[in-house]
C-alpha atoms as a PDB file:
ATOM      1  CA  MET A   1       3.915   5.437 -25.429  1.00  0.00           C
ATOM      2  CA  THR A   2       0.654   7.312 -24.972  1.00  0.00           C
ATOM      3  CA  GLU A   3       0.649  11.039 -24.316  1.00  0.00           C
ATOM      4  CA  THR A   4      -0.856  10.411 -20.864  1.00  0.00           C
ATOM      5  CA  ALA A   5       1.941   7.992 -19.891  1.00  0.00           C
ATOM      6  CA  ALA A   6       4.579  10.391 -21.244  1.00  0.00           C
ATOM      7  CA  ASP A   7       3.134  13.216 -19.153  1.00  0.00           C
ATOM      8  CA  THR A   8       3.130  10.986 -16.051  1.00  0.00           C
ATOM      9  CA  TRP A   9       6.792  10.123 -16.515  1.00  0.00           C
ATOM     10  CA  GLU A  10       7.766  13.734 -17.149  1.00  0.00           C
ATOM     11  CA  GLN A  11       5.958  14.895 -14.026  1.00  0.00           C
ATOM     12  CA  THR A  12       7.665  12.112 -12.061  1.00  0.00           C
ATOM     13  CA  ARG A  13      11.077  13.161 -13.331  1.00  0.00           C
ATOM     14  CA  LEU A  14      10.468  16.773 -12.339  1.00  0.00           C
ATOM     15  CA  LEU A  15       9.371  15.840  -8.828  1.00  0.00           C
ATOM     16  CA  VAL A  16      11.804  13.025  -8.032  1.00  0.00           C
ATOM     17  CA  SER A  17      15.131  13.909  -9.670  1.00  0.00           C
ATOM     18  CA  GLY A  18      16.000  16.667  -7.175  1.00  0.00           C
ATOM     19  CA  PRO A  19      15.302  14.603  -4.027  1.00  0.00           C
ATOM     20  CA  THR A  20      17.182  11.644  -5.504  1.00  0.00           C
ATOM     21  CA  LEU A  21      20.239  13.774  -6.197  1.00  0.00           C
ATOM     22  CA  ALA A  22      20.004  15.208  -2.687  1.00  0.00           C
ATOM     23  CA  ALA A  23      20.016  11.657  -1.331  1.00  0.00           C
ATOM     24  CA  LEU A  24      23.122  10.803  -3.366  1.00  0.00           C
ATOM     25  CA  ASP A  25      24.889  13.813  -1.843  1.00  0.00           C
ATOM     26  CA  ARG A  26      24.907  11.964   1.492  1.00  0.00           C
ATOM     27  CA  LEU A  27      27.316   9.376   0.086  1.00  0.00           C
ATOM     28  CA  ASP A  28      31.104   9.448   0.119  1.00  0.00           C
ATOM     29  CA  PRO A  29      32.539  10.819  -3.168  1.00  0.00           C
ATOM     30  CA  PRO A  30      33.648   7.530  -4.818  1.00  0.00           C
ATOM     31  CA  THR A  31      30.359   5.763  -4.006  1.00  0.00           C
ATOM     32  CA  ARG A  32      28.365   8.812  -5.041  1.00  0.00           C
ATOM     33  CA  LEU A  33      30.162   8.873  -8.404  1.00  0.00           C
ATOM     34  CA  ALA A  34      29.440   5.181  -9.086  1.00  0.00           C
ATOM     35  CA  CYS A  35      25.789   5.367  -7.961  1.00  0.00           C
ATOM     36  CA  GLY A  36      25.034   8.565  -9.829  1.00  0.00           C
ATOM     37  CA  TYR A  37      26.596   7.065 -12.923  1.00  0.00           C
ATOM     38  CA  HIS A  38      24.390   3.985 -12.568  1.00  0.00           C
ATOM     39  CA  LEU A  39      21.301   6.148 -12.107  1.00  0.00           C
ATOM     40  CA  GLY A  40      22.215   8.072 -15.248  1.00  0.00           C
ATOM     41  CA  PHE A  41      22.779  11.507 -13.748  1.00  0.00           C
ATOM     42  CA  TRP A  42      26.402  11.736 -14.962  1.00  0.00           C
ATOM     43  CA  ASP A  43      29.045   9.834 -16.904  1.00  0.00           C
ATOM     44  CA  ALA A  44      31.983   7.930 -15.445  1.00  0.00           C
ATOM     45  CA  GLN A  45      33.934  11.179 -15.018  1.00  0.00           C
ATOM     46  CA  GLY A  46      31.054  12.910 -13.232  1.00  0.00           C
ATOM     47  CA  ARG A  47      29.990  15.063 -16.187  1.00  0.00           C
ATOM     48  CA  PRO A  48      26.206  15.647 -16.429  1.00  0.00           C
ATOM     49  CA  ASP A  49      24.302  13.056 -18.447  1.00  0.00           C
ATOM     50  CA  SER A  50      20.704  12.022 -19.013  1.00  0.00           C
ATOM     51  CA  ALA A  51      20.655   8.242 -19.174  1.00  0.00           C
ATOM     52  CA  THR A  52      18.150   7.599 -16.413  1.00  0.00           C
ATOM     53  CA  GLY A  53      15.913   4.513 -16.267  1.00  0.00           C
ATOM     54  CA  LYS A  54      12.197   4.114 -16.915  1.00  0.00           C
ATOM     55  CA  GLY A  55      11.053   5.591 -13.571  1.00  0.00           C
ATOM     56  CA  VAL A  56       8.198   3.107 -13.271  1.00  0.00           C
ATOM     57  CA  ARG A  57       8.372   2.713  -9.508  1.00  0.00           C
ATOM     58  CA  PRO A  58       8.546   6.437  -8.704  1.00  0.00           C
ATOM     59  CA  ALA A  59       5.619   7.079 -11.018  1.00  0.00           C
ATOM     60  CA  LEU A  60       3.552   4.434  -9.255  1.00  0.00           C
ATOM     61  CA  ALA A  61       4.443   5.824  -5.832  1.00  0.00           C
ATOM     62  CA  LEU A  62       3.348   9.372  -6.763  1.00  0.00           C
ATOM     63  CA  LEU A  63       0.130   8.085  -8.336  1.00  0.00           C
ATOM     64  CA  SER A  64      -0.437   6.029  -5.194  1.00  0.00           C
ATOM     65  CA  ALA A  65      -0.421   9.146  -3.029  1.00  0.00           C
ATOM     66  CA  ARG A  66      -2.818  10.901  -5.428  1.00  0.00           C
ATOM     67  CA  ALA A  67      -5.062   7.829  -5.394  1.00  0.00           C
ATOM     68  CA  ALA A  68      -5.495   8.487  -1.654  1.00  0.00           C
ATOM     69  CA  GLY A  69      -6.500  12.088  -2.346  1.00  0.00           C
ATOM     70  CA  ALA A  70      -3.142  13.550  -1.269  1.00  0.00           C
ATOM     71  CA  PRO A  71      -0.819  15.734  -3.349  1.00  0.00           C
ATOM     72  CA  ALA A  72       1.782  13.828  -5.372  1.00  0.00           C
ATOM     73  CA  GLU A  73       4.496  15.408  -3.198  1.00  0.00           C
ATOM     74  CA  VAL A  74       3.375  13.228  -0.260  1.00  0.00           C
ATOM     75  CA  GLY A  75       4.591  10.217  -2.211  1.00  0.00           C
ATOM     76  CA  ILE A  76       8.073  11.608  -2.967  1.00  0.00           C
ATOM     77  CA  PRO A  77       9.829   9.709  -0.106  1.00  0.00           C
ATOM     78  CA  ALA A  78       8.176   6.493  -1.330  1.00  0.00           C
ATOM     79  CA  ALA A  79       9.139   7.265  -4.926  1.00  0.00           C
ATOM     80  CA  VAL A  80      12.793   7.892  -4.096  1.00  0.00           C
ATOM     81  CA  ALA A  81      13.051   4.936  -1.719  1.00  0.00           C
ATOM     82  CA  CYS A  82      11.524   2.446  -4.174  1.00  0.00           C
ATOM     83  CA  GLU A  83      13.757   3.643  -6.981  1.00  0.00           C
ATOM     84  CA  LEU A  84      16.833   3.315  -4.790  1.00  0.00           C
ATOM     85  CA  VAL A  85      15.862  -0.230  -3.768  1.00  0.00           C
ATOM     86  CA  HIS A  86      15.306  -1.109  -7.415  1.00  0.00           C
ATOM     87  CA  ASN A  87      18.729   0.186  -8.396  1.00  0.00           C
ATOM     88  CA  PHE A  88      20.414  -1.494  -5.444  1.00  0.00           C
ATOM     89  CA  SER A  89      19.142  -4.745  -6.935  1.00  0.00           C
ATOM     90  CA  LEU A  90      20.285  -3.844 -10.447  1.00  0.00           C
ATOM     91  CA  LEU A  91      23.846  -3.020  -9.336  1.00  0.00           C
ATOM     92  CA  HIS A  92      24.167  -6.429  -7.696  1.00  0.00           C
ATOM     93  CA  ASP A  93      22.241  -8.187 -10.452  1.00  0.00           C
ATOM     94  CA  ASP A  94      24.555  -6.891 -13.184  1.00  0.00           C
ATOM     95  CA  LEU A  95      27.559  -8.167 -11.249  1.00  0.00           C
ATOM     96  CA  MET A  96      26.032 -11.595 -10.512  1.00  0.00           C
ATOM     97  CA  ASP A  97      24.980 -12.061 -14.144  1.00  0.00           C
ATOM     98  CA  GLY A  98      28.210 -10.681 -15.580  1.00  0.00           C
ATOM     99  CA  ASP A  99      26.268  -8.140 -17.670  1.00  0.00           C
ATOM    100  CA  VAL A 100      28.566  -5.508 -19.115  1.00  0.00           C
ATOM    101  CA  GLU A 101      25.908  -3.146 -20.489  1.00  0.00           C
ATOM    102  CA  ARG A 102      22.760  -1.525 -19.113  1.00  0.00           C
ATOM    103  CA  ARG A 103      20.764   1.375 -20.563  1.00  0.00           C
ATOM    104  CA  HIS A 104      23.163   1.549 -23.512  1.00  0.00           C
ATOM    105  CA  ARG A 105      26.169   2.167 -21.223  1.00  0.00           C
ATOM    106  CA  PRO A 106      28.802  -0.018 -19.509  1.00  0.00           C
ATOM    107  CA  THR A 107      27.609  -1.342 -16.157  1.00  0.00           C
ATOM    108  CA  VAL A 108      29.061  -0.063 -12.881  1.00  0.00           C
ATOM    109  CA  TRP A 109      31.063  -3.175 -12.072  1.00  0.00           C
ATOM    110  CA  SER A 110      32.649  -3.190 -15.552  1.00  0.00           C
ATOM    111  CA  THR A 111      33.492   0.515 -15.238  1.00  0.00           C
ATOM    112  CA  PHE A 112      34.405   1.056 -11.588  1.00  0.00           C
ATOM    113  CA  GLY A 113      35.102  -2.521 -10.476  1.00  0.00           C
ATOM    114  CA  GLU A 114      33.226  -5.269  -8.672  1.00  0.00           C
ATOM    115  CA  SER A 115      33.814  -3.846  -5.190  1.00  0.00           C
ATOM    116  CA  ALA A 116      32.382  -0.480  -6.213  1.00  0.00           C
ATOM    117  CA  ALA A 117      29.211  -2.172  -7.483  1.00  0.00           C
ATOM    118  CA  ILE A 118      28.751  -4.128  -4.271  1.00  0.00           C
ATOM    119  CA  LEU A 119      29.322  -1.099  -2.063  1.00  0.00           C
ATOM    120  CA  GLY A 120      27.181   1.097  -4.313  1.00  0.00           C
ATOM    121  CA  GLY A 121      24.258  -1.313  -4.052  1.00  0.00           C
ATOM    122  CA  ASP A 122      24.646  -1.477  -0.266  1.00  0.00           C
ATOM    123  CA  ALA A 123      24.716   2.317  -0.097  1.00  0.00           C
ATOM    124  CA  LEU A 124      21.543   2.698  -2.168  1.00  0.00           C
ATOM    125  CA  LEU A 125      19.679   0.263   0.066  1.00  0.00           C
ATOM    126  CA  ALA A 126      20.792   2.148   3.170  1.00  0.00           C
ATOM    127  CA  LEU A 127      19.750   5.443   1.579  1.00  0.00           C
ATOM    128  CA  ALA A 128      16.318   4.022   0.744  1.00  0.00           C
ATOM    129  CA  ASN A 129      15.729   3.198   4.383  1.00  0.00           C
ATOM    130  CA  GLU A 130      16.908   6.644   5.487  1.00  0.00           C
ATOM    131  CA  ILE A 131      14.627   8.439   3.060  1.00  0.00           C
ATOM    132  CA  ILE A 132      11.482   6.467   3.937  1.00  0.00           C
ATOM    133  CA  ALA A 133      12.200   6.675   7.668  1.00  0.00           C
ATOM    134  CA  GLU A 134      12.384  10.466   7.429  1.00  0.00           C
ATOM    135  CA  ALA A 135       8.941  10.773   5.817  1.00  0.00           C
ATOM    136  CA  PRO A 136       6.581  12.793   8.054  1.00  0.00           C
ATOM    137  CA  GLY A 137       3.327  11.364   9.330  1.00  0.00           C
ATOM    138  CA  PRO A 138       1.968   8.658  11.614  1.00  0.00           C
ATOM    139  CA  THR A 139       2.217   5.837   9.076  1.00  0.00           C
ATOM    140  CA  THR A 140       5.972   6.122   8.494  1.00  0.00           C
ATOM    141  CA  PRO A 141       6.829   3.062  10.662  1.00  0.00           C
ATOM    142  CA  TRP A 142       4.435   0.962   8.598  1.00  0.00           C
ATOM    143  CA  ALA A 143       5.972   2.283   5.380  1.00  0.00           C
ATOM    144  CA  VAL A 144       9.454   1.310   6.623  1.00  0.00           C
ATOM    145  CA  ARG A 145       8.231  -2.200   7.408  1.00  0.00           C
ATOM    146  CA  CYS A 146       6.605  -2.509   3.981  1.00  0.00           C
ATOM    147  CA  LEU A 147       9.768  -1.428   2.193  1.00  0.00           C
ATOM    148  CA  ASN A 148      11.975  -3.839   4.138  1.00  0.00           C
ATOM    149  CA  ALA A 149       9.609  -6.793   3.787  1.00  0.00           C
ATOM    150  CA  THR A 150       9.531  -6.061   0.064  1.00  0.00           C
ATOM    151  CA  THR A 151      13.327  -6.032  -0.081  1.00  0.00           C
ATOM    152  CA  ARG A 152      13.454  -9.451   1.559  1.00  0.00           C
ATOM    153  CA  ARG A 153      11.072 -10.777  -1.079  1.00  0.00           C
ATOM    154  CA  LEU A 154      13.135  -9.195  -3.847  1.00  0.00           C
ATOM    155  CA  VAL A 155      16.270 -10.882  -2.499  1.00  0.00           C
ATOM    156  CA  ALA A 156      14.446 -14.218  -2.274  1.00  0.00           C
ATOM    157  CA  GLY A 157      13.363 -13.862  -5.889  1.00  0.00           C
ATOM    158  CA  GLN A 158      16.869 -13.058  -7.021  1.00  0.00           C
ATOM    159  CA  ALA A 159      18.244 -16.006  -5.065  1.00  0.00           C
ATOM    160  CA  ALA A 160      15.731 -18.310  -6.714  1.00  0.00           C
ATOM    161  CA  ASP A 161      16.579 -16.905 -10.136  1.00  0.00           C
ATOM    162  CA  LEU A 162      20.252 -17.675  -9.591  1.00  0.00           C
ATOM    163  CA  GLN A 163      19.506 -21.139  -8.257  1.00  0.00           C
ATOM    164  CA  PHE A 164      17.377 -21.936 -11.297  1.00  0.00           C
ATOM    165  CA  GLU A 165      20.373 -21.491 -13.589  1.00  0.00           C
ATOM    166  CA  SER A 166      21.971 -24.672 -12.260  1.00  0.00           C
ATOM    167  CA  ARG A 167      18.773 -26.733 -12.118  1.00  0.00           C
ATOM    168  CA  THR A 168      17.183 -28.761 -14.879  1.00  0.00           C
ATOM    169  CA  ASP A 169      13.859 -29.342 -13.113  1.00  0.00           C
ATOM    170  CA  VAL A 170      12.458 -25.809 -12.708  1.00  0.00           C
ATOM    171  CA  GLY A 171       8.657 -25.847 -12.756  1.00  0.00           C
ATOM    172  CA  LEU A 172       6.523 -23.126 -14.311  1.00  0.00           C
ATOM    173  CA  GLU A 173       4.622 -22.467 -11.073  1.00  0.00           C
ATOM    174  CA  GLU A 174       7.780 -21.846  -9.063  1.00  0.00           C
ATOM    175  CA  CYS A 175       9.140 -19.678 -11.882  1.00  0.00           C
ATOM    176  CA  VAL A 176       6.042 -17.500 -11.725  1.00  0.00           C
ATOM    177  CA  GLU A 177       6.468 -17.336  -7.924  1.00  0.00           C
ATOM    178  CA  MET A 178      10.068 -16.215  -8.408  1.00  0.00           C
ATOM    179  CA  ALA A 179       8.911 -13.448 -10.772  1.00  0.00           C
ATOM    180  CA  GLY A 180       6.340 -12.352  -8.215  1.00  0.00           C
ATOM    181  CA  ASP A 181       9.092 -11.939  -5.625  1.00  0.00           C
ATOM    182  CA  LYS A 182      11.778 -10.525  -7.907  1.00  0.00           C
ATOM    183  CA  THR A 183       9.627  -7.956  -9.716  1.00  0.00           C
ATOM    184  CA  GLY A 184       6.044  -8.052  -8.537  1.00  0.00           C
ATOM    185  CA  ALA A 185       6.844  -7.348  -4.886  1.00  0.00           C
ATOM    186  CA  LEU A 186       8.557  -4.013  -5.500  1.00  0.00           C
ATOM    187  CA  LEU A 187       5.927  -2.811  -7.973  1.00  0.00           C
ATOM    188  CA  ALA A 188       3.235  -3.778  -5.461  1.00  0.00           C
ATOM    189  CA  CYS A 189       5.110  -1.791  -2.829  1.00  0.00           C
ATOM    190  CA  ALA A 190       5.557   1.248  -5.063  1.00  0.00           C
ATOM    191  CA  ALA A 191       1.902   1.191  -6.099  1.00  0.00           C
ATOM    192  CA  SER A 192       0.745   1.304  -2.473  1.00  0.00           C
ATOM    193  CA  LEU A 193       3.512   3.046  -0.488  1.00  0.00           C
ATOM    194  CA  GLY A 194       2.466   6.567  -1.433  1.00  0.00           C
ATOM    195  CA  ALA A 195      -1.048   5.735  -0.235  1.00  0.00           C
ATOM    196  CA  VAL A 196       0.393   4.363   3.011  1.00  0.00           C
ATOM    197  CA  LEU A 197       2.245   7.648   3.616  1.00  0.00           C
ATOM    198  CA  ALA A 198      -1.020   9.459   2.858  1.00  0.00           C
ATOM    199  CA  ASP A 199      -2.698   7.414   5.640  1.00  0.00           C
ATOM    200  CA  ALA A 200      -5.090   5.802   3.165  1.00  0.00           C
ATOM    201  CA  PRO A 201      -7.713   3.251   4.256  1.00  0.00           C
ATOM    202  CA  PRO A 202      -6.223  -0.275   4.313  1.00  0.00           C
ATOM    203  CA  ALA A 203      -8.603  -1.477   1.594  1.00  0.00           C
ATOM    204  CA  LEU A 204      -7.264   1.156  -0.816  1.00  0.00           C
ATOM    205  CA  ALA A 205      -3.604   0.382  -0.042  1.00  0.00           C
ATOM    206  CA  LEU A 206      -4.220  -3.357  -0.424  1.00  0.00           C
ATOM    207  CA  GLY A 207      -6.098  -2.847  -3.694  1.00  0.00           C
ATOM    208  CA  LEU A 208      -3.273  -0.767  -5.096  1.00  0.00           C
ATOM    209  CA  ALA A 209      -0.750  -3.405  -3.982  1.00  0.00           C
ATOM    210  CA  ASP A 210      -2.778  -6.073  -5.797  1.00  0.00           C
ATOM    211  CA  TYR A 211      -2.686  -3.928  -8.914  1.00  0.00           C
ATOM    212  CA  GLY A 212       1.086  -3.509  -8.588  1.00  0.00           C
ATOM    213  CA  HIS A 213       1.594  -7.245  -8.133  1.00  0.00           C
ATOM    214  CA  HIS A 214      -0.169  -8.106 -11.359  1.00  0.00           C
ATOM    215  CA  LEU A 215       1.523  -5.252 -13.170  1.00  0.00           C
ATOM    216  CA  GLY A 216       4.870  -6.572 -11.907  1.00  0.00           C
ATOM    217  CA  LEU A 217       4.176 -10.023 -13.334  1.00  0.00           C
ATOM    218  CA  ALA A 218       3.181  -8.501 -16.679  1.00  0.00           C
ATOM    219  CA  PHE A 219       6.312  -6.320 -16.575  1.00  0.00           C
ATOM    220  CA  GLN A 220       8.568  -9.341 -15.920  1.00  0.00           C
ATOM    221  CA  LEU A 221       6.921 -11.386 -18.638  1.00  0.00           C
ATOM    222  CA  VAL A 222       7.528  -8.602 -21.139  1.00  0.00           C
ATOM    223  CA  ASP A 223      11.069  -8.160 -19.786  1.00  0.00           C
ATOM    224  CA  ASP A 224      11.757 -11.868 -20.326  1.00  0.00           C
ATOM    225  CA  LEU A 225      10.425 -11.675 -23.879  1.00  0.00           C
ATOM    226  CA  LEU A 226      12.724  -8.728 -24.537  1.00  0.00           C
ATOM    227  CA  GLY A 227      15.594 -10.622 -22.930  1.00  0.00           C
ATOM    228  CA  ILE A 228      15.436 -13.061 -25.848  1.00  0.00           C
ATOM    229  CA  TRP A 229      13.893 -11.189 -28.765  1.00  0.00           C
ATOM    230  CA  GLY A 230      14.281  -7.512 -27.863  1.00  0.00           C
ATOM    231  CA  ASP A 231      15.967  -5.051 -30.201  1.00  0.00           C
ATOM    232  CA  PRO A 232      19.364  -4.156 -28.657  1.00  0.00           C
ATOM    233  CA  GLU A 233      18.948  -0.590 -29.918  1.00  0.00           C
ATOM    234  CA  ARG A 234      15.838  -0.284 -27.739  1.00  0.00           C
ATOM    235  CA  THR A 235      16.667  -2.500 -24.746  1.00  0.00           C
ATOM    236  CA  GLY A 236      20.329  -1.622 -24.293  1.00  0.00           C
ATOM    237  CA  LYS A 237      21.090  -5.352 -23.972  1.00  0.00           C
ATOM    238  CA  PRO A 238      22.524  -7.785 -26.522  1.00  0.00           C
ATOM    239  CA  LEU A 239      20.163  -9.947 -28.575  1.00  0.00           C
ATOM    240  CA  TRP A 240      19.435 -13.320 -26.894  1.00  0.00           C
ATOM    241  CA  SER A 241      21.061 -12.060 -23.685  1.00  0.00           C
ATOM    242  CA  ASP A 242      19.000 -14.286 -21.355  1.00  0.00           C
ATOM    243  CA  LEU A 243      19.824 -17.364 -23.405  1.00  0.00           C
ATOM    244  CA  ARG A 244      23.485 -16.467 -23.381  1.00  0.00           C
ATOM    245  CA  SER A 245      23.475 -16.451 -19.566  1.00  0.00           C
ATOM    246  CA  ALA A 246      21.379 -19.662 -19.408  1.00  0.00           C
ATOM    247  CA  LYS A 247      18.538 -18.006 -17.540  1.00  0.00           C
ATOM    248  CA  LYS A 248      15.425 -20.004 -16.694  1.00  0.00           C
ATOM    249  CA  SER A 249      13.222 -17.093 -17.696  1.00  0.00           C
ATOM    250  CA  LEU A 250       9.477 -17.492 -17.981  1.00  0.00           C
ATOM    251  CA  PRO A 251       9.373 -18.154 -21.772  1.00  0.00           C
ATOM    252  CA  VAL A 252      12.214 -20.657 -21.405  1.00  0.00           C
ATOM    253  CA  VAL A 253      10.569 -22.585 -18.545  1.00  0.00           C
ATOM    254  CA  ALA A 254       7.223 -22.527 -20.363  1.00  0.00           C
ATOM    255  CA  ALA A 255       8.939 -24.041 -23.413  1.00  0.00           C
ATOM    256  CA  LEU A 256      10.675 -26.704 -21.305  1.00  0.00           C
ATOM    257  CA  ALA A 257       7.332 -27.622 -19.673  1.00  0.00           C
ATOM    258  CA  GLY A 258       5.752 -28.532 -22.997  1.00  0.00           C
ATOM    259  CA  SER A 259       5.945 -31.654 -25.132  1.00  0.00           C
ATOM    260  CA  GLY A 260       6.829 -32.477 -28.693  1.00  0.00           C
ATOM    261  CA  ALA A 261       9.837 -32.531 -30.993  1.00  0.00           C
ATOM    262  CA  ALA A 262      10.744 -28.847 -30.563  1.00  0.00           C
ATOM    263  CA  VAL A 263      10.677 -29.218 -26.768  1.00  0.00           C
ATOM    264  CA  GLU A 264      12.949 -32.240 -26.875  1.00  0.00           C
ATOM    265  CA  ARG A 265      15.417 -30.506 -29.185  1.00  0.00           C
ATOM    266  CA  PHE A 266      15.403 -27.438 -26.921  1.00  0.00           C
ATOM    267  CA  ARG A 267      15.905 -29.574 -23.812  1.00  0.00           C
ATOM    268  CA  ALA A 268      18.905 -31.319 -25.345  1.00  0.00           C
ATOM    269  CA  LEU A 269      20.431 -27.991 -26.363  1.00  0.00           C
ATOM    270  CA  TYR A 270      19.678 -25.847 -23.326  1.00  0.00           C
ATOM    271  CA  LEU A 271      20.043 -28.374 -20.486  1.00  0.00           C
ATOM    272  CA  SER A 272      23.366 -29.845 -21.610  1.00  0.00           C
ATOM    273  CA  GLY A 273      25.225 -28.210 -18.734  1.00  0.00           C
ATOM    274  CA  GLU A 274      27.451 -26.258 -21.109  1.00  0.00           C
ATOM    275  CA  PRO A 275      27.132 -22.585 -22.060  1.00  0.00           C
ATOM    276  CA  LEU A 276      25.477 -22.111 -25.413  1.00  0.00           C
ATOM    277  CA  PRO A 277      27.974 -21.182 -28.137  1.00  0.00           C
ATOM    278  CA  GLU A 278      27.229 -17.965 -29.976  1.00  0.00           C
ATOM    279  CA  ASP A 279      26.346 -19.803 -33.182  1.00  0.00           C
ATOM    280  CA  ARG A 280      23.554 -21.789 -31.387  1.00  0.00           C
ATOM    281  CA  LEU A 281      21.780 -18.847 -29.718  1.00  0.00           C
ATOM    282  CA  GLU A 282      19.538 -18.076 -32.683  1.00  0.00           C
ATOM    283  CA  GLU A 283      18.557 -21.726 -32.892  1.00  0.00           C
ATOM    284  CA  ALA A 284      17.713 -21.780 -29.170  1.00  0.00           C
ATOM    285  CA  ALA A 285      15.520 -18.709 -29.526  1.00  0.00           C
ATOM    286  CA  ARG A 286      13.688 -20.308 -32.442  1.00  0.00           C
ATOM    287  CA  LEU A 287      13.117 -23.506 -30.427  1.00  0.00           C
ATOM    288  CA  VAL A 288      11.679 -21.555 -27.487  1.00  0.00           C
ATOM    289  CA  GLU A 289       9.201 -20.050 -29.938  1.00  0.00           C
ATOM    290  CA  ASP A 290       8.449 -23.382 -31.658  1.00  0.00           C
ATOM    291  CA  ALA A 291       7.883 -25.014 -28.261  1.00  0.00           C
ATOM    292  CA  GLY A 292       5.271 -22.415 -27.370  1.00  0.00           C
ATOM    293  CA  GLY A 293       7.233 -20.441 -24.807  1.00  0.00           C
ATOM    294  CA  ARG A 294       6.906 -17.121 -26.562  1.00  0.00           C
ATOM    295  CA  ALA A 295       3.168 -17.414 -27.156  1.00  0.00           C
ATOM    296  CA  TRP A 296       2.586 -18.479 -23.522  1.00  0.00           C
ATOM    297  CA  ALA A 297       4.538 -15.472 -22.212  1.00  0.00           C
ATOM    298  CA  GLU A 298       2.729 -13.028 -24.493  1.00  0.00           C
ATOM    299  CA  GLN A 299      -0.684 -14.382 -23.512  1.00  0.00           C
ATOM    300  CA  SER A 300       0.254 -14.389 -19.825  1.00  0.00           C
ATOM    301  CA  ALA A 301       1.456 -10.783 -20.007  1.00  0.00           C
ATOM    302  CA  ASP A 302      -1.889  -9.762 -21.503  1.00  0.00           C
ATOM    303  CA  ARG A 303      -3.743 -11.686 -18.787  1.00  0.00           C
ATOM    304  CA  GLU A 304      -1.755 -10.126 -15.941  1.00  0.00           C
ATOM    305  CA  SER A 305      -2.250  -6.642 -17.425  1.00  0.00           C
ATOM    306  CA  ARG A 306      -6.000  -7.197 -17.463  1.00  0.00           C
ATOM    307  CA  ALA A 307      -5.873  -8.507 -13.896  1.00  0.00           C
ATOM    308  CA  ALA A 308      -3.957  -5.358 -12.850  1.00  0.00           C
ATOM    309  CA  LEU A 309      -6.679  -3.117 -14.292  1.00  0.00           C
ATOM    310  CA  ASP A 310      -9.403  -5.277 -12.753  1.00  0.00           C
ATOM    311  CA  ALA A 311      -7.788  -4.761  -9.337  1.00  0.00           C
ATOM    312  CA  LEU A 312      -8.373  -0.999  -9.714  1.00  0.00           C
ATOM    313  CA  ALA A 313     -12.107  -1.424 -10.247  1.00  0.00           C
ATOM    314  CA  GLY A 314     -14.139  -0.558  -7.207  1.00  0.00           C
ATOM    315  CA  LEU A 315     -11.378   1.393  -5.459  1.00  0.00           C
ATOM    316  CA  GLY A 316     -13.072   4.711  -6.145  1.00  0.00           C
ATOM    317  CA  LEU A 317      -9.968   6.286  -7.619  1.00  0.00           C
ATOM    318  CA  PRO A 318     -10.016   9.865  -8.891  1.00  0.00           C
ATOM    319  CA  GLU A 319     -10.668   9.821 -12.638  1.00  0.00           C
ATOM    320  CA  ASP A 320      -7.318  11.401 -13.567  1.00  0.00           C
ATOM    321  CA  VAL A 321      -5.408   8.874 -11.445  1.00  0.00           C
ATOM    322  CA  LEU A 322      -7.314   5.932 -12.950  1.00  0.00           C
ATOM    323  CA  ARG A 323      -6.646   7.276 -16.445  1.00  0.00           C
ATOM    324  CA  GLU A 324      -2.913   7.600 -15.766  1.00  0.00           C
ATOM    325  CA  LEU A 325      -2.621   4.157 -14.159  1.00  0.00           C
ATOM    326  CA  THR A 326      -4.458   2.648 -17.127  1.00  0.00           C
ATOM    327  CA  ALA A 327      -2.169   4.396 -19.613  1.00  0.00           C
ATOM    328  CA  LEU A 328       0.914   3.352 -17.652  1.00  0.00           C
ATOM    329  CA  THR A 329      -0.241  -0.266 -17.582  1.00  0.00           C
ATOM    330  CA  ASP A 330      -0.878  -0.271 -21.315  1.00  0.00           C
ATOM    331  CA  THR A 331       2.531   1.248 -22.052  1.00  0.00           C
ATOM    332  CA  LEU A 332       4.461  -1.162 -19.822  1.00  0.00           C
ATOM    333  CA  SER A 333       2.669  -4.272 -21.079  1.00  0.00           C
ATOM    334  CA  ARG A 334       3.336  -3.373 -24.732  1.00  0.00           C
ATOM    335  CA  ARG A 335       6.780  -1.831 -24.435  1.00  0.00           C
ATOM    336  CA  ASP A 336       9.809  -2.697 -26.554  1.00  0.00           C
ATOM    337  CA  PHE A 337      12.410  -1.112 -24.252  1.00  0.00           C
END
């Protein structure tokens, strides 16, 4: 991580942690405990902890406000709301996928129960809407609409992702579309919502959203690569986790879309309709690579990162904001966590 990106994340943490904790204080005690545990503020007994997530979306929201010439503080409601929406999706996602670990800790459903995870996710989504609706200024109604439209796209992406698991005919184009909904939509929202609250010109808000969309695709491509080949010590997830859960992730679908002996062997192994046994996971990962899925995902992540930076050109951003967005993009597209 570059020094610039590290400084951006530290500044984000200082500005956003307090308002996020204040939002959690609106919840009933059991739900607050589960949600604060998920967000990394405390352990399962409520003792202070520091296991928070990456903070990508809050950082983008604050930079978005600054891109419009406003103080970062103008973007705080957007930062908190986008992070709450993101974590609403993670709480439900962990339960749907049966994941028992996130950020090097047991997931909420495996610690507090399935009902607690469902209710916690619902509560975070409601809180997100409260926080953004309370933002001062004439553009708040538009910001509320943006956040809710984004949430609908996120849900659509997650629904498609789940549907893909039981299909053998998933195409690469529809898989990229799913990633755009599941990940790109919320990053596009975060990258523009601070500017919306700052009453930025539409062209600036749309340009920032385009940047966030491409960054989101790059982010998901890297995430999918880490979901197969990532170091568990860095990712907090088991090795080959996406193969274990039979996900049709982008590298997997790219491999299935190819031709040749490795593709045919991978098809026979992965599309058998049966869960992969533990002793075949390494073989499956090797076949994805041999079939070209890994190389395609790596090249696509680089391409989307470049497209994200290209979207910033001509927006007339302040030099410090452009520098921080560039550093953030470079860090996220090359991350191993």
